[in-house]
């Protein structure tokens, strides 16, 4: 399979990976042939790129972080929890939703079981979804990525459960924000941004008394927009005043937002998002945490087309779990751009003189990497 920007997808190409609805239901299966109208509709639904079939790369497989069943169960459970909390003002003062916490914990345990099964699992782009309800998929992504970081950090099961629950529910306060503000396609006004920032406090008050939800998970909702230098919100706390779990969630929340299509901008590729995060190193985000995050991110997704400092063009064919920025590549042209009759693989972690210099988007377009 090969990774293709939606803008360069053409009728006649066939999908190599499924596309899901925001509910986790398969909309388009592998092998579906693209048409002009289908490509247009996918773009309108927020799909930034596709995986398409290419006979030269039939052996390339993109590993899934979660099984299809767990991912669907996770999204549906998150959706139901968010919808339940929308009605919070109508509950009596002592009312809670104990079953919400039970269901969320069950899903979290499934996620932990699957992720813990592979200690070398990397943070990579999740399955392709439409973004009718970006919040649900975003919540699942942040949960999965945070849990992977917790595993890499060596957290025990109780710590992973609390971190994962805090990550899954970090944006629950947005259920109390006006849909007009939440779904606004352009920049928010000062008053609208003030309203949006209240989701952190509202999330804390929604979760703090919920049975089966740890109080620390409520504090994750409260603190995930706080930043090291005190420039965050809602309280402007600094450094060690911010809980470590909230710091992880703050990094991952920003990363997933940047790598997801939004109403007001296209998705970034992982290497671009990591670079953007590093611009806030030791200012907004803890440097040692960013380093672990960077080491766990597959910054060059399998199937991505890249240009090398040699002038050759290659496709990322595998991820090096111990050296994420030096993947295995399949070289498909010579130094002059002439297609090879026999493409061959090269492990960049063993060929340090060969560098990825550009991301090739196709048809003459490219994205230069920083020097």
Protein backbone atom coordinates (compact mmCIF):
# COMPACT_ATOMS: atom_id res chain seq x y z
CA UNK A 1 0.00 0.00 0.00
CA UNK A 2 0.98 3.60 -0.47
CA UNK A 3 0.01 6.76 1.43
CA UNK A 4 -1.57 9.36 -0.85
CA UNK A 5 -2.82 12.90 -0.09
CA UNK A 6 -6.54 13.14 -0.88
CA UNK A 7 -5.75 16.06 -3.21
CA UNK A 8 -3.62 13.75 -5.38
CA UNK A 9 -5.93 10.73 -5.30
CA UNK A 10 -7.34 9.86 -8.71
CA UNK A 11 -10.36 7.91 -10.01
CA UNK A 12 -9.47 4.27 -10.57
CA UNK A 13 -7.21 4.00 -7.54
CA UNK A 14 -8.28 1.35 -5.02
CA UNK A 15 -8.32 1.70 -1.25
CA UNK A 16 -5.78 -0.34 0.69
CA UNK A 17 -7.20 0.49 4.17
CA UNK A 18 -10.72 0.83 5.47
CA UNK A 19 -12.33 4.18 6.17
CA UNK A 20 -14.56 4.47 9.23
CA UNK A 21 -17.43 6.70 10.28
CA UNK A 22 -17.18 8.70 13.51
CA UNK A 23 -19.06 5.81 15.17
CA UNK A 24 -16.34 3.34 14.21
CA UNK A 25 -18.45 1.69 11.50
CA UNK A 26 -16.76 0.74 8.22
CA UNK A 27 -17.83 3.16 5.49
CA UNK A 28 -15.51 1.96 2.73
CA UNK A 29 -13.68 -1.36 2.68
CA UNK A 30 -10.33 -2.30 1.17
CA UNK A 31 -10.46 -2.72 -2.58
CA UNK A 32 -13.13 -0.07 -3.20
CA UNK A 33 -12.36 1.78 -6.44
CA UNK A 34 -12.29 5.54 -6.09
CA UNK A 35 -14.44 7.79 -8.26
CA UNK A 36 -14.35 11.56 -8.62
CA UNK A 37 -17.47 11.98 -6.49
CA UNK A 38 -16.16 9.60 -3.82
CA UNK A 39 -12.85 11.47 -3.58
CA UNK A 40 -14.73 14.76 -3.29
CA UNK A 41 -17.02 13.43 -0.56
CA UNK A 42 -14.10 12.00 1.41
CA UNK A 43 -12.37 15.38 1.29
CA UNK A 44 -15.55 17.07 2.50
CA UNK A 45 -15.65 14.57 5.39
CA UNK A 46 -12.20 15.63 6.58
CA UNK A 47 -10.07 12.82 5.16
CA UNK A 48 -6.65 14.34 4.43
CA UNK A 49 -4.94 11.26 2.99
CA UNK A 50 -5.71 7.73 1.83
CA UNK A 51 -3.89 4.43 1.66
CA UNK A 52 -4.14 3.13 -1.90
CA UNK A 53 -3.12 -0.13 -3.52
CA UNK A 54 0.12 -0.23 -5.48
CA UNK A 55 1.39 -3.56 -6.78
CA UNK A 56 4.99 -2.56 -6.02
CA UNK A 57 4.16 -2.25 -2.31
CA UNK A 58 1.65 -5.05 -1.73
CA UNK A 59 3.80 -6.39 1.10
CA UNK A 60 3.70 -3.14 3.11
CA UNK A 61 1.41 -3.45 6.10
CA UNK A 62 0.47 -0.64 8.48
CA UNK A 63 0.07 -2.17 11.97
CA UNK A 64 -3.02 -1.19 13.93
CA UNK A 65 -2.65 0.01 17.52
CA UNK A 66 -6.09 -1.35 18.44
CA UNK A 67 -8.27 -4.09 17.02
CA UNK A 68 -11.27 -2.97 15.00
CA UNK A 69 -13.63 -4.22 17.72
CA UNK A 70 -11.86 -2.35 20.55
CA UNK A 71 -11.64 0.82 18.51
CA UNK A 72 -15.34 0.71 17.64
CA UNK A 73 -16.29 -0.10 21.23
CA UNK A 74 -14.11 2.75 22.47
CA UNK A 75 -15.62 5.36 20.17
CA UNK A 76 -19.19 4.26 20.88
CA UNK A 77 -18.60 4.27 24.65
CA UNK A 78 -16.99 7.71 24.51
CA UNK A 79 -19.86 9.03 22.40
CA UNK A 80 -22.44 7.73 24.87
CA UNK A 81 -20.53 9.18 27.85
CA UNK A 82 -20.32 12.59 26.20
CA UNK A 83 -24.02 12.51 25.33
CA UNK A 84 -24.92 11.55 28.90
CA UNK A 85 -22.94 14.46 30.30
CA UNK A 86 -24.59 16.92 27.93
CA UNK A 87 -27.65 16.53 30.16
CA UNK A 88 -25.69 17.31 33.32
CA UNK A 89 -27.60 20.54 34.16
CA UNK A 90 -30.85 18.52 34.24
CA UNK A 91 -29.57 16.08 36.86
CA UNK A 92 -30.48 16.60 40.48
CA UNK A 93 -27.67 17.81 42.71
CA UNK A 94 -26.83 14.37 44.05
CA UNK A 95 -27.30 12.55 40.74
CA UNK A 96 -24.40 10.70 39.13
CA UNK A 97 -23.90 8.29 36.26
CA UNK A 98 -22.10 5.35 37.94
CA UNK A 99 -22.63 3.16 34.87
CA UNK A 100 -20.71 5.65 32.73
CA UNK A 101 -17.60 5.15 34.86
CA UNK A 102 -18.03 1.37 34.75
CA UNK A 103 -18.29 1.27 30.97
CA UNK A 104 -15.38 3.66 30.49
CA UNK A 105 -13.20 1.56 32.81
CA UNK A 106 -14.10 -1.61 30.90
CA UNK A 107 -13.05 -0.03 27.61
CA UNK A 108 -9.89 1.34 29.21
CA UNK A 109 -8.97 -2.14 30.42
CA UNK A 110 -9.42 -3.49 26.88
CA UNK A 111 -7.14 -0.78 25.53
CA UNK A 112 -4.49 -1.44 28.19
CA UNK A 113 -4.60 -5.19 27.50
CA UNK A 114 -4.05 -4.69 23.77
CA UNK A 115 -1.36 -2.02 24.05
CA UNK A 116 0.54 -3.84 26.80
CA UNK A 117 0.87 -6.85 24.50
CA UNK A 118 3.56 -5.10 22.47
CA UNK A 119 6.23 -3.21 24.36
CA UNK A 120 7.62 -1.86 21.08
CA UNK A 121 4.30 -0.37 19.91
CA UNK A 122 4.78 3.11 18.46
CA UNK A 123 2.51 6.15 18.37
CA UNK A 124 1.29 6.15 14.78
CA UNK A 125 -1.61 7.63 12.88
CA UNK A 126 -4.81 5.83 13.83
CA UNK A 127 -7.33 4.42 11.35
CA UNK A 128 -8.89 6.81 8.86
CA UNK A 129 -12.13 8.31 10.15
CA UNK A 130 -14.53 10.96 9.00
CA UNK A 131 -14.61 13.92 11.39
CA UNK A 132 -18.31 14.63 11.77
CA UNK A 133 -17.66 14.35 15.51
CA UNK A 134 -13.94 15.03 15.84
CA UNK A 135 -14.21 15.05 19.63
CA UNK A 136 -14.91 11.31 19.95
CA UNK A 137 -11.99 10.11 17.81
CA UNK A 138 -9.72 12.75 19.35
CA UNK A 139 -10.57 11.49 22.84
CA UNK A 140 -9.74 7.91 21.86
CA UNK A 141 -6.49 8.93 20.14
CA UNK A 142 -5.32 10.96 23.15
CA UNK A 143 -6.15 8.01 25.41
CA UNK A 144 -4.24 5.51 23.26
CA UNK A 145 -1.18 7.73 22.77
CA UNK A 146 -1.04 8.69 26.47
CA UNK A 147 -1.31 5.04 27.51
CA UNK A 148 1.56 4.09 25.18
CA UNK A 149 3.69 6.80 26.79
CA UNK A 150 2.71 5.57 30.24
CA UNK A 151 3.80 2.05 29.29
CA UNK A 152 7.11 3.40 27.98
CA UNK A 153 7.53 5.37 31.19
CA UNK A 154 7.03 2.20 33.26
CA UNK A 155 3.73 3.05 34.96
CA UNK A 156 1.97 0.20 36.75
CA UNK A 157 -1.57 -0.93 35.91
CA UNK A 158 -3.30 1.41 38.36
CA UNK A 159 -1.30 4.37 37.08
CA UNK A 160 -2.05 3.46 33.46
CA UNK A 161 -5.75 3.16 34.24
CA UNK A 162 -5.90 6.60 35.84
CA UNK A 163 -3.80 8.23 33.10
CA UNK A 164 -5.89 6.57 30.39
CA UNK A 165 -9.20 7.58 31.97
CA UNK A 166 -7.97 11.15 32.38
CA UNK A 167 -6.89 11.21 28.74
CA UNK A 168 -10.12 9.66 27.47
CA UNK A 169 -12.23 12.20 29.37
CA UNK A 170 -9.91 15.23 29.18
CA UNK A 171 -12.35 17.14 26.95
CA UNK A 172 -15.59 16.06 28.65
CA UNK A 173 -16.16 19.69 29.69
CA UNK A 174 -16.82 20.55 26.05
CA UNK A 175 -20.24 18.97 26.51
CA UNK A 176 -21.10 22.16 28.40
CA UNK A 177 -19.84 24.53 25.68
CA UNK A 178 -22.12 26.07 23.07
CA UNK A 179 -22.13 24.09 19.79
CA UNK A 180 -21.87 27.41 17.97
CA UNK A 181 -18.49 27.96 19.62
CA UNK A 182 -17.33 24.32 19.39
CA UNK A 183 -18.04 24.02 15.67
CA UNK A 184 -17.08 27.51 14.55
CA UNK A 185 -14.96 27.08 11.36
CA UNK A 186 -12.88 30.25 11.80
CA UNK A 187 -10.97 31.99 14.58
CA UNK A 188 -12.81 32.47 17.87
CA UNK A 189 -13.52 35.96 19.16
CA UNK A 190 -12.11 36.94 22.56
CA UNK A 191 -15.44 36.17 24.25
CA UNK A 192 -15.76 32.85 22.42
CA UNK A 193 -12.24 31.83 23.40
CA UNK A 194 -13.01 32.68 27.02
CA UNK A 195 -16.06 30.44 26.75
CA UNK A 196 -14.03 27.63 25.17
CA UNK A 197 -11.40 27.77 27.93
CA UNK A 198 -14.09 27.04 30.51
CA UNK A 199 -14.25 23.42 29.33
CA UNK A 200 -11.33 22.58 31.62
CA UNK A 201 -13.09 23.74 34.80
CA UNK A 202 -16.39 22.27 33.71
CA UNK A 203 -14.73 18.96 32.97
CA UNK A 204 -13.29 18.86 36.47
CA UNK A 205 -16.66 19.54 38.10
CA UNK A 206 -18.37 16.94 35.90
CA UNK A 207 -15.91 14.22 36.88
CA UNK A 208 -14.79 14.94 40.44
CA UNK A 209 -17.71 13.21 42.17
CA UNK A 210 -18.36 10.49 39.59
CA UNK A 211 -18.20 6.93 40.97
CA UNK A 212 -15.60 4.75 39.23
CA UNK A 213 -13.69 7.80 37.94
CA UNK A 214 -10.51 8.60 39.94
CA UNK A 215 -10.30 12.16 41.24
CA UNK A 216 -6.91 12.45 39.55
CA UNK A 217 -8.62 11.84 36.19
CA UNK A 218 -10.78 14.90 36.93
CA UNK A 219 -7.61 16.90 37.59
CA UNK A 220 -6.31 15.79 34.16
CA UNK A 221 -9.37 17.42 32.60
CA UNK A 222 -8.69 20.51 34.73
CA UNK A 223 -4.96 20.83 33.96
CA UNK A 224 -4.34 19.57 30.41
CA UNK A 225 -4.11 23.12 28.99
CA UNK A 226 -1.71 24.36 31.69
CA UNK A 227 1.85 24.98 30.48
CA UNK A 228 5.29 24.98 32.12
CA UNK A 229 5.77 28.76 31.96
CA UNK A 230 2.34 29.57 33.39
CA UNK A 231 0.89 30.70 30.05
CA UNK A 232 -1.81 28.02 30.06
CA UNK A 233 -5.30 27.96 31.52
CA UNK A 234 -7.51 27.96 33.53
CA UNK A 235 -5.28 28.82 36.53
CA UNK A 236 -1.92 29.65 34.95
CA UNK A 237 -0.06 27.21 37.18
CA UNK A 238 3.59 26.40 36.40
CA UNK A 239 6.17 23.62 36.38
CA UNK A 240 5.70 21.01 39.09
CA UNK A 241 2.34 22.50 40.05
CA UNK A 242 1.01 20.66 36.98
CA UNK A 243 0.52 16.93 37.51
CA UNK A 244 2.71 14.68 35.37
CA UNK A 245 -0.33 12.95 33.82
CA UNK A 246 -1.74 16.31 32.72
CA UNK A 247 1.63 17.18 31.16
CA UNK A 248 1.55 13.98 29.10
CA UNK A 249 -2.02 14.64 28.04
CA UNK A 250 -1.16 18.24 27.15
CA UNK A 251 1.58 17.06 24.76
CA UNK A 252 -0.56 14.36 23.18
CA UNK A 253 -3.65 16.57 22.95
CA UNK A 254 -1.65 19.15 20.99
CA UNK A 255 -0.07 16.49 18.76
CA UNK A 256 -3.34 14.83 17.85
CA UNK A 257 -5.01 18.18 17.16
CA UNK A 258 -2.19 19.07 14.76
CA UNK A 259 -2.24 15.70 12.95
CA UNK A 260 -6.05 15.68 12.56
CA UNK A 261 -8.03 17.52 9.90
CA UNK A 262 -9.96 20.44 11.38
CA UNK A 263 -12.62 22.70 9.94
CA UNK A 264 -10.11 25.54 9.67
CA UNK A 265 -6.97 23.71 8.47
CA UNK A 266 -5.59 20.50 6.99
CA UNK A 267 -3.78 17.89 9.06
CA UNK A 268 -0.03 18.09 9.61
CA UNK A 269 2.19 15.08 9.04
CA UNK A 270 3.74 13.62 12.22
CA UNK A 271 7.22 15.08 11.68
CA UNK A 272 5.71 18.56 11.29
CA UNK A 273 3.71 18.22 14.52
CA UNK A 274 6.72 16.95 16.48
CA UNK A 275 8.77 19.90 15.21
CA UNK A 276 6.01 22.29 16.31
CA UNK A 277 5.94 20.75 19.79
CA UNK A 278 9.70 21.08 20.11
CA UNK A 279 9.43 24.80 19.46
CA UNK A 280 7.84 24.91 22.93
CA UNK A 281 10.48 22.75 24.61
CA UNK A 282 11.11 23.80 28.23
CA UNK A 283 8.72 26.71 27.69
CA UNK A 284 5.36 25.02 27.20
CA UNK A 285 6.34 21.36 27.51
CA UNK A 286 8.85 19.43 29.59
CA UNK A 287 11.91 18.63 27.44
CA UNK A 288 12.52 15.15 28.89
CA UNK A 289 8.88 14.26 28.26
CA UNK A 290 9.11 15.56 24.69
CA UNK A 291 12.19 13.39 24.15
CA UNK A 292 10.36 10.23 25.21
CA UNK A 293 7.36 11.28 23.12
CA UNK A 294 9.58 11.84 20.05
CA UNK A 295 11.21 8.43 20.51
CA UNK A 296 7.78 6.76 20.55
CA UNK A 297 6.28 8.56 17.52
CA UNK A 298 6.45 6.99 14.08
CA UNK A 299 7.21 10.35 12.49
CA UNK A 300 7.42 8.86 9.00
CA UNK A 301 4.29 6.72 8.46
CA UNK A 302 4.55 3.49 6.46
CA UNK A 303 3.69 4.18 2.82
CA UNK A 304 4.90 7.80 2.88
CA UNK A 305 6.94 8.95 -0.14
CA UNK A 306 10.24 10.64 0.73
CA UNK A 307 13.20 12.16 -1.10
CA UNK A 308 16.72 11.38 0.08
CA UNK A 309 19.81 13.58 0.19
CA UNK A 310 21.14 11.35 -2.60
CA UNK A 311 18.32 12.51 -4.89
CA UNK A 312 16.62 9.10 -4.80
CA UNK A 313 12.90 8.69 -4.11
CA UNK A 314 11.74 6.07 -1.60
CA UNK A 315 8.69 4.76 0.23
CA UNK A 316 8.77 4.21 4.00
CA UNK A 317 8.42 0.43 4.33
CA UNK A 318 8.87 -0.17 8.06
CA UNK A 319 9.35 1.62 11.38
CA UNK A 320 12.43 1.23 13.59
CA UNK A 321 11.04 1.09 17.12
CA UNK A 322 14.46 1.93 18.58
CA UNK A 323 15.18 4.74 16.12
CA UNK A 324 11.91 6.26 14.93
CA UNK A 325 13.50 9.02 12.83
CA UNK A 326 15.53 6.46 10.85
CA UNK A 327 12.94 4.14 9.26
CA UNK A 328 13.39 1.34 6.75
CA UNK A 329 12.76 2.66 3.24
CA UNK A 330 12.21 1.13 -0.19
CA UNK A 331 14.21 3.01 -2.82
CA UNK A 332 12.25 3.24 -6.08
CA UNK A 333 14.32 5.63 -8.25
CA UNK A 334 17.94 6.37 -8.92
CA UNK A 335 19.67 9.68 -8.18
CA UNK A 336 18.22 11.22 -11.35
CA UNK A 337 14.65 10.22 -10.53
CA UNK A 338 14.53 7.32 -13.01
CA UNK A 339 12.34 4.48 -11.72
CA UNK A 340 14.24 1.33 -10.76
CA UNK A 341 13.31 -2.02 -12.25
CA UNK A 342 14.15 -3.67 -8.93
CA UNK A 343 13.39 -1.44 -5.91
CA UNK A 344 15.33 -2.40 -2.78
CA UNK A 345 15.01 -1.79 0.97
CA UNK A 346 17.49 0.17 3.06
CA UNK A 347 17.56 0.49 6.86
CA UNK A 348 18.45 4.12 7.55
CA UNK A 349 19.52 3.25 11.09
CA UNK A 350 22.39 1.32 9.50
CA UNK A 351 23.13 3.80 6.72
CA UNK A 352 23.76 7.03 8.58
CA UNK A 353 25.08 8.91 5.55
CA UNK A 354 21.65 8.68 3.86
CA UNK A 355 19.09 11.22 5.08
CA UNK A 356 15.45 12.00 4.40
CA UNK A 357 15.54 15.54 2.99
CA UNK A 358 11.94 16.03 1.85
CA UNK A 359 8.48 14.55 2.08
CA UNK A 360 7.33 14.00 -1.49
CA UNK A 361 3.64 14.74 -1.88
CA UNK A 362 3.61 13.77 -5.55
CA UNK A 363 3.28 15.64 -8.86
CA UNK A 364 6.17 17.96 -8.07
CA UNK A 365 4.98 18.97 -4.60
CA UNK A 366 7.21 18.45 -1.59
CA UNK A 367 7.65 19.42 2.04
CA UNK A 368 11.21 20.36 2.98
CA UNK A 369 12.52 19.24 6.34
CA UNK A 370 14.37 21.62 8.66
CA UNK A 371 18.14 21.68 8.26
